[in-house]
PDB file of N, CA and C in Angstrom:
ATOM      1  N   MET A   1      -4.348  -6.795 -42.030  1.00  0.00           N
ATOM      2  CA  MET A   1      -4.044  -5.981 -40.869  1.00  0.00           C
ATOM      3  C   MET A   1      -4.374  -6.706 -39.560  1.00  0.00           C
ATOM      4  N   SER A   2      -5.338  -7.591 -39.602  1.00  0.00           N
ATOM      5  CA  SER A   2      -5.734  -8.283 -38.365  1.00  0.00           C
ATOM      6  C   SER A   2      -4.607  -9.160 -37.852  1.00  0.00           C
ATOM      7  N   GLY A   3      -4.422  -9.135 -36.541  1.00  0.00           N
ATOM      8  CA  GLY A   3      -3.421  -9.977 -35.915  1.00  0.00           C
ATOM      9  C   GLY A   3      -2.066  -9.337 -35.746  1.00  0.00           C
ATOM     10  N   ASN A   4      -1.838  -8.180 -36.344  1.00  0.00           N
ATOM     11  CA  ASN A   4      -0.557  -7.511 -36.215  1.00  0.00           C
ATOM     12  C   ASN A   4      -0.453  -6.864 -34.829  1.00  0.00           C
ATOM     13  N   VAL A   5      -1.290  -5.887 -34.567  1.00  0.00           N
ATOM     14  CA  VAL A   5      -1.368  -5.242 -33.254  1.00  0.00           C
ATOM     15  C   VAL A   5      -2.825  -4.917 -32.956  1.00  0.00           C
ATOM     16  N   LEU A   6      -3.148  -4.754 -31.671  1.00  0.00           N
ATOM     17  CA  LEU A   6      -4.449  -4.220 -31.291  1.00  0.00           C
ATOM     18  C   LEU A   6      -4.515  -2.793 -31.811  1.00  0.00           C
ATOM     19  N   GLN A   7      -5.648  -2.375 -32.337  1.00  0.00           N
ATOM     20  CA  GLN A   7      -5.763  -1.028 -32.882  1.00  0.00           C
ATOM     21  C   GLN A   7      -6.358  -0.090 -31.838  1.00  0.00           C
ATOM     22  N   TRP A   8      -5.563   0.862 -31.398  1.00  0.00           N
ATOM     23  CA  TRP A   8      -5.990   1.873 -30.441  1.00  0.00           C
ATOM     24  C   TRP A   8      -6.938   2.804 -31.170  1.00  0.00           C
ATOM     25  N   VAL A   9      -8.158   2.961 -30.683  1.00  0.00           N
ATOM     26  CA  VAL A   9      -9.126   3.829 -31.345  1.00  0.00           C
ATOM     27  C   VAL A   9      -9.433   5.046 -30.478  1.00  0.00           C
ATOM     28  N   GLN A  10     -10.085   6.029 -31.041  1.00  0.00           N
ATOM     29  CA  GLN A  10     -10.325   7.310 -30.388  1.00  0.00           C
ATOM     30  C   GLN A  10     -11.381   7.231 -29.273  1.00  0.00           C
ATOM     31  N   ASP A  11     -12.220   6.219 -29.283  1.00  0.00           N
ATOM     32  CA  ASP A  11     -13.345   6.124 -28.358  1.00  0.00           C
ATOM     33  C   ASP A  11     -12.920   6.015 -26.898  1.00  0.00           C
ATOM     34  N   CYS A  12     -13.641   6.751 -26.034  1.00  0.00           N
ATOM     35  CA  CYS A  12     -13.508   6.562 -24.593  1.00  0.00           C
ATOM     36  C   CYS A  12     -14.185   5.248 -24.225  1.00  0.00           C
ATOM     37  N   PHE A  13     -13.918   4.735 -23.039  1.00  0.00           N
ATOM     38  CA  PHE A  13     -14.491   3.466 -22.614  1.00  0.00           C
ATOM     39  C   PHE A  13     -16.005   3.556 -22.495  1.00  0.00           C
ATOM     40  N   ALA A  14     -16.677   2.529 -22.973  1.00  0.00           N
ATOM     41  CA  ALA A  14     -18.117   2.339 -22.791  1.00  0.00           C
ATOM     42  C   ALA A  14     -18.337   0.855 -22.547  1.00  0.00           C
ATOM     43  N   ALA A  15     -19.102   0.519 -21.524  1.00  0.00           N
ATOM     44  CA  ALA A  15     -19.306  -0.882 -21.163  1.00  0.00           C
ATOM     45  C   ALA A  15     -20.125  -1.640 -22.199  1.00  0.00           C
ATOM     46  N   SER A  16     -20.915  -0.922 -23.009  1.00  0.00           N
ATOM     47  CA  SER A  16     -21.714  -1.576 -24.051  1.00  0.00           C
ATOM     48  C   SER A  16     -21.884  -0.613 -25.223  1.00  0.00           C
ATOM     49  N   TYR A  17     -22.519  -1.083 -26.269  1.00  0.00           N
ATOM     50  CA  TYR A  17     -22.788  -0.236 -27.437  1.00  0.00           C
ATOM     51  C   TYR A  17     -24.008   0.649 -27.235  1.00  0.00           C
ATOM     52  N   SER A  18     -24.771   0.426 -26.193  1.00  0.00           N
ATOM     53  CA  SER A  18     -25.988   1.198 -25.929  1.00  0.00           C
ATOM     54  C   SER A  18     -25.670   2.682 -25.761  1.00  0.00           C
ATOM     55  N   GLY A  19     -26.309   3.532 -26.564  1.00  0.00           N
ATOM     56  CA  GLY A  19     -26.124   4.971 -26.467  1.00  0.00           C
ATOM     57  C   GLY A  19     -24.916   5.522 -27.203  1.00  0.00           C
ATOM     58  N   LEU A  20     -24.168   4.667 -27.887  1.00  0.00           N
ATOM     59  CA  LEU A  20     -23.002   5.140 -28.633  1.00  0.00           C
ATOM     60  C   LEU A  20     -23.424   5.680 -29.995  1.00  0.00           C
ATOM     61  N   PRO A  21     -22.618   6.560 -30.599  1.00  0.00           N
ATOM     62  CA  PRO A  21     -22.970   7.109 -31.913  1.00  0.00           C
ATOM     63  C   PRO A  21     -23.160   6.010 -32.953  1.00  0.00           C
ATOM     64  N   ALA A  22     -24.213   6.119 -33.737  1.00  0.00           N
ATOM     65  CA  ALA A  22     -24.505   5.126 -34.776  1.00  0.00           C
ATOM     66  C   ALA A  22     -23.899   5.520 -36.118  1.00  0.00           C
ATOM     67  N   ASP A  23     -23.331   6.727 -36.197  1.00  0.00           N
ATOM     68  CA  ASP A  23     -22.804   7.212 -37.473  1.00  0.00           C
ATOM     69  C   ASP A  23     -21.317   6.927 -37.670  1.00  0.00           C
ATOM     70  N   GLY A  24     -20.715   6.185 -36.760  1.00  0.00           N
ATOM     71  CA  GLY A  24     -19.304   5.840 -36.888  1.00  0.00           C
ATOM     72  C   GLY A  24     -18.358   6.839 -36.246  1.00  0.00           C
ATOM     73  N   SER A  25     -18.887   7.937 -35.697  1.00  0.00           N
ATOM     74  CA  SER A  25     -18.020   8.914 -35.040  1.00  0.00           C
ATOM     75  C   SER A  25     -17.547   8.378 -33.689  1.00  0.00           C
ATOM     76  N   ALA A  26     -16.476   8.954 -33.180  1.00  0.00           N
ATOM     77  CA  ALA A  26     -15.891   8.503 -31.918  1.00  0.00           C
ATOM     78  C   ALA A  26     -16.780   8.886 -30.735  1.00  0.00           C
ATOM     79  N   TYR A  27     -16.799   8.020 -29.735  1.00  0.00           N
ATOM     80  CA  TYR A  27     -17.496   8.291 -28.478  1.00  0.00           C
ATOM     81  C   TYR A  27     -16.501   8.961 -27.543  1.00  0.00           C
ATOM     82  N   GLU A  28     -16.700  10.234 -27.282  1.00  0.00           N
ATOM     83  CA  GLU A  28     -15.759  10.983 -26.437  1.00  0.00           C
ATOM     84  C   GLU A  28     -16.470  11.710 -25.300  1.00  0.00           C
ATOM     85  N   THR A  29     -17.519  11.112 -24.768  1.00  0.00           N
ATOM     86  CA  THR A  29     -18.266  11.702 -23.672  1.00  0.00           C
ATOM     87  C   THR A  29     -17.631  11.300 -22.349  1.00  0.00           C
ATOM     88  N   THR A  30     -17.286  12.277 -21.531  1.00  0.00           N
ATOM     89  CA  THR A  30     -16.687  12.009 -20.235  1.00  0.00           C
ATOM     90  C   THR A  30     -17.788  11.859 -19.196  1.00  0.00           C
ATOM     91  N   VAL A  31     -17.868  10.690 -18.590  1.00  0.00           N
ATOM     92  CA  VAL A  31     -18.826  10.417 -17.519  1.00  0.00           C
ATOM     93  C   VAL A  31     -18.099   9.676 -16.415  1.00  0.00           C
ATOM     94  N   ALA A  32     -18.635   9.770 -15.193  1.00  0.00           N
ATOM     95  CA  ALA A  32     -18.109   8.978 -14.085  1.00  0.00           C
ATOM     96  C   ALA A  32     -18.659   7.566 -14.241  1.00  0.00           C
ATOM     97  N   LEU A  33     -17.785   6.596 -14.301  1.00  0.00           N
ATOM     98  CA  LEU A  33     -18.208   5.216 -14.541  1.00  0.00           C
ATOM     99  C   LEU A  33     -18.898   4.616 -13.322  1.00  0.00           C
ATOM    100  N   GLN A  34     -19.942   3.845 -13.570  1.00  0.00           N
ATOM    101  CA  GLN A  34     -20.665   3.096 -12.549  1.00  0.00           C
ATOM    102  C   GLN A  34     -20.721   1.651 -13.033  1.00  0.00           C
ATOM    103  N   LEU A  35     -19.791   0.833 -12.582  1.00  0.00           N
ATOM    104  CA  LEU A  35     -19.647  -0.529 -13.107  1.00  0.00           C
ATOM    105  C   LEU A  35     -19.732  -1.564 -11.997  1.00  0.00           C
ATOM    106  N   THR A  36     -20.080  -2.773 -12.375  1.00  0.00           N
ATOM    107  CA  THR A  36     -20.141  -3.881 -11.429  1.00  0.00           C
ATOM    108  C   THR A  36     -19.290  -5.026 -11.971  1.00  0.00           C
ATOM    109  N   GLY A  37     -19.160  -6.062 -11.185  1.00  0.00           N
ATOM    110  CA  GLY A  37     -18.431  -7.252 -11.629  1.00  0.00           C
ATOM    111  C   GLY A  37     -16.941  -7.011 -11.736  1.00  0.00           C
ATOM    112  N   ARG A  38     -16.344  -7.614 -12.759  1.00  0.00           N
ATOM    113  CA  ARG A  38     -14.882  -7.562 -12.891  1.00  0.00           C
ATOM    114  C   ARG A  38     -14.349  -6.163 -13.183  1.00  0.00           C
ATOM    115  N   LEU A  39     -15.203  -5.243 -13.617  1.00  0.00           N
ATOM    116  CA  LEU A  39     -14.778  -3.868 -13.896  1.00  0.00           C
ATOM    117  C   LEU A  39     -15.117  -2.899 -12.760  1.00  0.00           C
ATOM    118  N   SER A  40     -15.579  -3.413 -11.629  1.00  0.00           N
ATOM    119  CA  SER A  40     -16.017  -2.541 -10.535  1.00  0.00           C
ATOM    120  C   SER A  40     -14.903  -1.655  -9.978  1.00  0.00           C
ATOM    121  N   LYS A  41     -13.633  -2.041 -10.156  1.00  0.00           N
ATOM    122  CA  LYS A  41     -12.514  -1.210  -9.696  1.00  0.00           C
ATOM    123  C   LYS A  41     -12.479   0.143 -10.410  1.00  0.00           C
ATOM    124  N   MET A  42     -13.136   0.221 -11.565  1.00  0.00           N
ATOM    125  CA  MET A  42     -13.128   1.449 -12.359  1.00  0.00           C
ATOM    126  C   MET A  42     -14.249   2.414 -11.951  1.00  0.00           C
ATOM    127  N   THR A  43     -15.151   2.006 -11.057  1.00  0.00           N
ATOM    128  CA  THR A  43     -16.263   2.849 -10.637  1.00  0.00           C
ATOM    129  C   THR A  43     -15.744   4.159 -10.056  1.00  0.00           C
ATOM    130  N   GLY A  44     -16.338   5.256 -10.521  1.00  0.00           N
ATOM    131  CA  GLY A  44     -15.965   6.583 -10.045  1.00  0.00           C
ATOM    132  C   GLY A  44     -14.900   7.262 -10.896  1.00  0.00           C
ATOM    133  N   THR A  45     -14.217   6.515 -11.750  1.00  0.00           N
ATOM    134  CA  THR A  45     -13.205   7.124 -12.614  1.00  0.00           C
ATOM    135  C   THR A  45     -13.856   7.638 -13.893  1.00  0.00           C
ATOM    136  N   SER A  46     -13.127   8.434 -14.636  1.00  0.00           N
ATOM    137  CA  SER A  46     -13.629   9.028 -15.874  1.00  0.00           C
ATOM    138  C   SER A  46     -13.610   8.010 -17.012  1.00  0.00           C
ATOM    139  N   SER A  47     -14.656   8.016 -17.827  1.00  0.00           N
ATOM    140  CA  SER A  47     -14.709   7.109 -18.981  1.00  0.00           C
ATOM    141  C   SER A  47     -13.558   7.366 -19.952  1.00  0.00           C
ATOM    142  N   CYS A  48     -13.086   8.590 -20.033  1.00  0.00           N
ATOM    143  CA  CYS A  48     -12.008   8.916 -20.964  1.00  0.00           C
ATOM    144  C   CYS A  48     -10.619   8.660 -20.378  1.00  0.00           C
ATOM    145  N   ALA A  49     -10.561   8.131 -19.150  1.00  0.00           N
ATOM    146  CA  ALA A  49      -9.284   7.692 -18.589  1.00  0.00           C
ATOM    147  C   ALA A  49      -8.892   6.344 -19.188  1.00  0.00           C
ATOM    148  N   PHE A  50      -9.823   5.720 -19.899  1.00  0.00           N
ATOM    149  CA  PHE A  50      -9.606   4.435 -20.559  1.00  0.00           C
ATOM    150  C   PHE A  50     -10.007   4.582 -22.016  1.00  0.00           C
ATOM    151  N   ARG A  51      -9.297   3.949 -22.917  1.00  0.00           N
ATOM    152  CA  ARG A  51      -9.604   4.006 -24.345  1.00  0.00           C
ATOM    153  C   ARG A  51      -9.843   2.598 -24.863  1.00  0.00           C
ATOM    154  N   MET A  52     -10.592   2.507 -25.934  1.00  0.00           N
ATOM    155  CA  MET A  52     -10.921   1.223 -26.519  1.00  0.00           C
ATOM    156  C   MET A  52      -9.835   0.782 -27.498  1.00  0.00           C
ATOM    157  N   VAL A  53      -9.642  -0.522 -27.584  1.00  0.00           N
ATOM    158  CA  VAL A  53      -8.784  -1.117 -28.597  1.00  0.00           C
ATOM    159  C   VAL A  53      -9.608  -2.175 -29.318  1.00  0.00           C
ATOM    160  N   ARG A  54      -9.290  -2.392 -30.579  1.00  0.00           N
ATOM    161  CA  ARG A  54     -10.025  -3.365 -31.391  1.00  0.00           C
ATOM    162  C   ARG A  54      -9.069  -4.359 -32.017  1.00  0.00           C
ATOM    163  N   GLY A  55      -9.618  -5.520 -32.309  1.00  0.00           N
ATOM    164  CA  GLY A  55      -8.832  -6.559 -32.958  1.00  0.00           C
ATOM    165  C   GLY A  55      -7.976  -7.315 -31.965  1.00  0.00           C
ATOM    166  N   GLY A  56      -6.998  -8.005 -32.450  1.00  0.00           N
ATOM    167  CA  GLY A  56      -6.091  -8.767 -31.608  1.00  0.00           C
ATOM    168  C   GLY A  56      -4.662  -8.590 -32.068  1.00  0.00           C
ATOM    169  N   ASP A  57      -3.728  -8.937 -31.206  1.00  0.00           N
ATOM    170  CA  ASP A  57      -2.329  -8.826 -31.609  1.00  0.00           C
ATOM    171  C   ASP A  57      -1.741 -10.210 -31.868  1.00  0.00           C
ATOM    172  N   TRP A  58      -0.496 -10.239 -32.221  1.00  0.00           N
ATOM    173  CA  TRP A  58       0.196 -11.459 -32.610  1.00  0.00           C
ATOM    174  C   TRP A  58       0.178 -12.536 -31.534  1.00  0.00           C
ATOM    175  N   GLY A  59      -0.039 -12.189 -30.273  1.00  0.00           N
ATOM    176  CA  GLY A  59      -0.035 -13.169 -29.188  1.00  0.00           C
ATOM    177  C   GLY A  59      -1.415 -13.649 -28.768  1.00  0.00           C
ATOM    178  N   ASP A  60      -2.471 -13.156 -29.396  1.00  0.00           N
ATOM    179  CA  ASP A  60      -3.833 -13.526 -29.014  1.00  0.00           C
ATOM    180  C   ASP A  60      -4.299 -14.804 -29.706  1.00  0.00           C
ATOM    181  N   HIS A  61      -5.315 -15.418 -29.105  1.00  0.00           N
ATOM    182  CA  HIS A  61      -5.950 -16.589 -29.714  1.00  0.00           C
ATOM    183  C   HIS A  61      -6.780 -16.144 -30.913  1.00  0.00           C
ATOM    184  N   SER A  62      -6.967 -17.011 -31.870  1.00  0.00           N
ATOM    185  CA  SER A  62      -7.626 -16.652 -33.129  1.00  0.00           C
ATOM    186  C   SER A  62      -9.016 -16.027 -32.990  1.00  0.00           C
ATOM    187  N   PRO A  63      -9.871 -16.393 -32.018  1.00  0.00           N
ATOM    188  CA  PRO A  63     -11.176 -15.722 -31.937  1.00  0.00           C
ATOM    189  C   PRO A  63     -11.072 -14.215 -31.648  1.00  0.00           C
ATOM    190  N   LEU A  64      -9.964 -13.757 -31.089  1.00  0.00           N
ATOM    191  CA  LEU A  64      -9.791 -12.335 -30.778  1.00  0.00           C
ATOM    192  C   LEU A  64      -9.212 -11.540 -31.941  1.00  0.00           C
ATOM    193  N   ILE A  65      -8.723 -12.228 -32.963  1.00  0.00           N
ATOM    194  CA  ILE A  65      -8.087 -11.531 -34.077  1.00  0.00           C
ATOM    195  C   ILE A  65      -9.144 -11.232 -35.141  1.00  0.00           C
ATOM    196  N   ARG A  66     -10.005 -10.279 -34.815  1.00  0.00           N
ATOM    197  CA  ARG A  66     -11.044  -9.804 -35.721  1.00  0.00           C
ATOM    198  C   ARG A  66     -11.402  -8.389 -35.308  1.00  0.00           C
ATOM    199  N   SER A  67     -11.803  -7.569 -36.236  1.00  0.00           N
ATOM    200  CA  SER A  67     -12.034  -6.156 -35.936  1.00  0.00           C
ATOM    201  C   SER A  67     -13.199  -5.924 -34.983  1.00  0.00           C
ATOM    202  N   ALA A  68     -14.119  -6.863 -34.860  1.00  0.00           N
ATOM    203  CA  ALA A  68     -15.245  -6.701 -33.949  1.00  0.00           C
ATOM    204  C   ALA A  68     -14.860  -6.952 -32.494  1.00  0.00           C
ATOM    205  N   ALA A  69     -13.720  -7.576 -32.243  1.00  0.00           N
ATOM    206  CA  ALA A  69     -13.275  -7.806 -30.869  1.00  0.00           C
ATOM    207  C   ALA A  69     -12.870  -6.472 -30.258  1.00  0.00           C
ATOM    208  N   ARG A  70     -13.355  -6.183 -29.056  1.00  0.00           N
ATOM    209  CA  ARG A  70     -13.017  -4.917 -28.416  1.00  0.00           C
ATOM    210  C   ARG A  70     -12.611  -5.147 -26.980  1.00  0.00           C
ATOM    211  N   SER A  71     -11.746  -4.285 -26.496  1.00  0.00           N
ATOM    212  CA  SER A  71     -11.241  -4.357 -25.134  1.00  0.00           C
ATOM    213  C   SER A  71     -10.897  -2.933 -24.708  1.00  0.00           C
ATOM    214  N   LEU A  72     -10.341  -2.779 -23.513  1.00  0.00           N
ATOM    215  CA  LEU A  72      -9.957  -1.450 -23.065  1.00  0.00           C
ATOM    216  C   LEU A  72      -8.507  -1.438 -22.632  1.00  0.00           C
ATOM    217  N   ARG A  73      -7.900  -0.286 -22.730  1.00  0.00           N
ATOM    218  CA  ARG A  73      -6.535  -0.071 -22.262  1.00  0.00           C
ATOM    219  C   ARG A  73      -6.452   1.286 -21.629  1.00  0.00           C
ATOM    220  N   PRO A  74      -5.683   1.478 -20.650  1.00  0.00           N
ATOM    221  CA  PRO A  74      -4.927   0.486 -19.879  1.00  0.00           C
ATOM    222  C   PRO A  74      -5.894  -0.259 -18.990  1.00  0.00           C
ATOM    223  N   GLY A  75      -5.774  -1.360 -18.525  1.00  0.00           N
ATOM    224  CA  GLY A  75      -6.761  -2.060 -17.711  1.00  0.00           C
ATOM    225  C   GLY A  75      -6.983  -1.388 -16.370  1.00  0.00           C
ATOM    226  N   PRO A  76      -7.918  -1.901 -15.583  1.00  0.00           N
ATOM    227  CA  PRO A  76      -8.179  -1.336 -14.255  1.00  0.00           C
ATOM    228  C   PRO A  76      -6.900  -1.282 -13.414  1.00  0.00           C
ATOM    229  N   GLY A  77      -6.687  -0.171 -12.743  1.00  0.00           N
ATOM    230  CA  GLY A  77      -5.526  -0.009 -11.880  1.00  0.00           C
ATOM    231  C   GLY A  77      -4.335   0.662 -12.545  1.00  0.00           C
ATOM    232  N   ALA A  78      -4.337   0.813 -13.867  1.00  0.00           N
ATOM    233  CA  ALA A  78      -3.246   1.467 -14.584  1.00  0.00           C
ATOM    234  C   ALA A  78      -3.695   2.868 -15.009  1.00  0.00           C
ATOM    235  N   THR A  79      -2.773   3.662 -15.514  1.00  0.00           N
ATOM    236  CA  THR A  79      -3.137   5.000 -15.979  1.00  0.00           C
ATOM    237  C   THR A  79      -2.826   5.146 -17.455  1.00  0.00           C
ATOM    238  N   LEU A  80      -3.610   5.935 -18.146  1.00  0.00           N
ATOM    239  CA  LEU A  80      -3.432   6.167 -19.574  1.00  0.00           C
ATOM    240  C   LEU A  80      -2.089   6.833 -19.859  1.00  0.00           C
ATOM    241  N   GLU A  81      -1.649   7.701 -18.954  1.00  0.00           N
ATOM    242  CA  GLU A  81      -0.415   8.454 -19.152  1.00  0.00           C
ATOM    243  C   GLU A  81       0.828   7.574 -19.125  1.00  0.00           C
ATOM    244  N   THR A  82       0.811   6.481 -18.379  1.00  0.00           N
ATOM    245  CA  THR A  82       2.009   5.656 -18.233  1.00  0.00           C
ATOM    246  C   THR A  82       1.892   4.303 -18.922  1.00  0.00           C
ATOM    247  N   TYR A  83       0.787   4.038 -19.613  1.00  0.00           N
ATOM    248  CA  TYR A  83       0.564   2.734 -20.239  1.00  0.00           C
ATOM    249  C   TYR A  83       1.505   2.501 -21.417  1.00  0.00           C
ATOM    250  N   ARG A  84       2.124   1.322 -21.466  1.00  0.00           N
ATOM    251  CA  ARG A  84       2.987   0.923 -22.571  1.00  0.00           C
ATOM    252  C   ARG A  84       2.668  -0.518 -22.928  1.00  0.00           C
ATOM    253  N   SER A  85       2.708  -0.860 -24.212  1.00  0.00           N
ATOM    254  CA  SER A  85       2.458  -2.228 -24.642  1.00  0.00           C
ATOM    255  C   SER A  85       3.079  -2.459 -26.012  1.00  0.00           C
ATOM    256  N   GLY A  86       3.670  -3.623 -26.198  1.00  0.00           N
ATOM    257  CA  GLY A  86       4.181  -3.998 -27.500  1.00  0.00           C
ATOM    258  C   GLY A  86       3.101  -4.554 -28.412  1.00  0.00           C
ATOM    259  N   GLY A  87       1.900  -4.755 -27.871  1.00  0.00           N
ATOM    260  CA  GLY A  87       0.814  -5.323 -28.646  1.00  0.00           C
ATOM    261  C   GLY A  87      -0.209  -4.318 -29.115  1.00  0.00           C
ATOM    262  N   VAL A  88      -0.029  -3.028 -28.784  1.00  0.00           N
ATOM    263  CA  VAL A  88      -1.000  -1.997 -29.160  1.00  0.00           C
ATOM    264  C   VAL A  88      -0.363  -1.036 -30.151  1.00  0.00           C
ATOM    265  N   GLY A  89      -1.073  -0.754 -31.222  1.00  0.00           N
ATOM    266  CA  GLY A  89      -0.625   0.208 -32.220  1.00  0.00           C
ATOM    267  C   GLY A  89      -1.815   1.067 -32.629  1.00  0.00           C
ATOM    268  N   PHE A  90      -1.681   1.802 -33.692  1.00  0.00           N
ATOM    269  CA  PHE A  90      -2.797   2.591 -34.179  1.00  0.00           C
ATOM    270  C   PHE A  90      -2.707   2.705 -35.695  1.00  0.00           C
ATOM    271  N   ARG A  91      -3.823   2.971 -36.299  1.00  0.00           N
ATOM    272  CA  ARG A  91      -3.887   3.138 -37.742  1.00  0.00           C
ATOM    273  C   ARG A  91      -4.278   4.587 -38.012  1.00  0.00           C
ATOM    274  N   VAL A  92      -3.494   5.262 -38.811  1.00  0.00           N
ATOM    275  CA  VAL A  92      -3.791   6.641 -39.162  1.00  0.00           C
ATOM    276  C   VAL A  92      -4.806   6.627 -40.307  1.00  0.00           C
ATOM    277  N   ALA A  93      -5.872   7.380 -40.150  1.00  0.00           N
ATOM    278  CA  ALA A  93      -6.903   7.425 -41.180  1.00  0.00           C
ATOM    279  C   ALA A  93      -7.306   8.881 -41.424  1.00  0.00           C
ATOM    280  N   GLY A  94      -7.711   9.170 -42.613  1.00  0.00           N
ATOM    281  CA  GLY A  94      -8.148  10.512 -42.926  1.00  0.00           C
ATOM    282  C   GLY A  94      -9.101  10.487 -44.110  1.00  0.00           C
ATOM    283  N   THR A  95      -9.751  11.586 -44.350  1.00  0.00           N
ATOM    284  CA  THR A  95     -10.675  11.701 -45.453  1.00  0.00           C
ATOM    285  C   THR A  95      -9.967  12.332 -46.641  1.00  0.00           C
ATOM    286  N   LEU A  96     -10.095  11.726 -47.805  1.00  0.00           N
ATOM    287  CA  LEU A  96      -9.493  12.270 -49.010  1.00  0.00           C
ATOM    288  C   LEU A  96     -10.446  13.253 -49.657  1.00  0.00           C
ATOM    289  N   ASP A  97      -9.893  14.334 -50.174  1.00  0.00           N
ATOM    290  CA  ASP A  97     -10.726  15.336 -50.859  1.00  0.00           C
ATOM    291  C   ASP A  97     -10.967  14.934 -52.290  1.00  0.00           C
TER     292      ASP A  97
END
């Protein structure tokens, strides 16, 4: 599955793993972001206005094509409602009884 498309996951944006659920559940807490550096344009926006993606797509360099690689979409300045990409997909998962 790695390298096909970036996997869009349910988690809202978080700048680090600190304070995220340790049980594997999705992080869906809405907070006003307070960021510095290259992500400072996102300061004041909602964490759930951005979603996390994992892995890499067919156009990425090999170090990014692994499930531990994480990024955010849509990037700073774009909106979740209008975001489109040929490199982002999703995997449907469910619990079997």
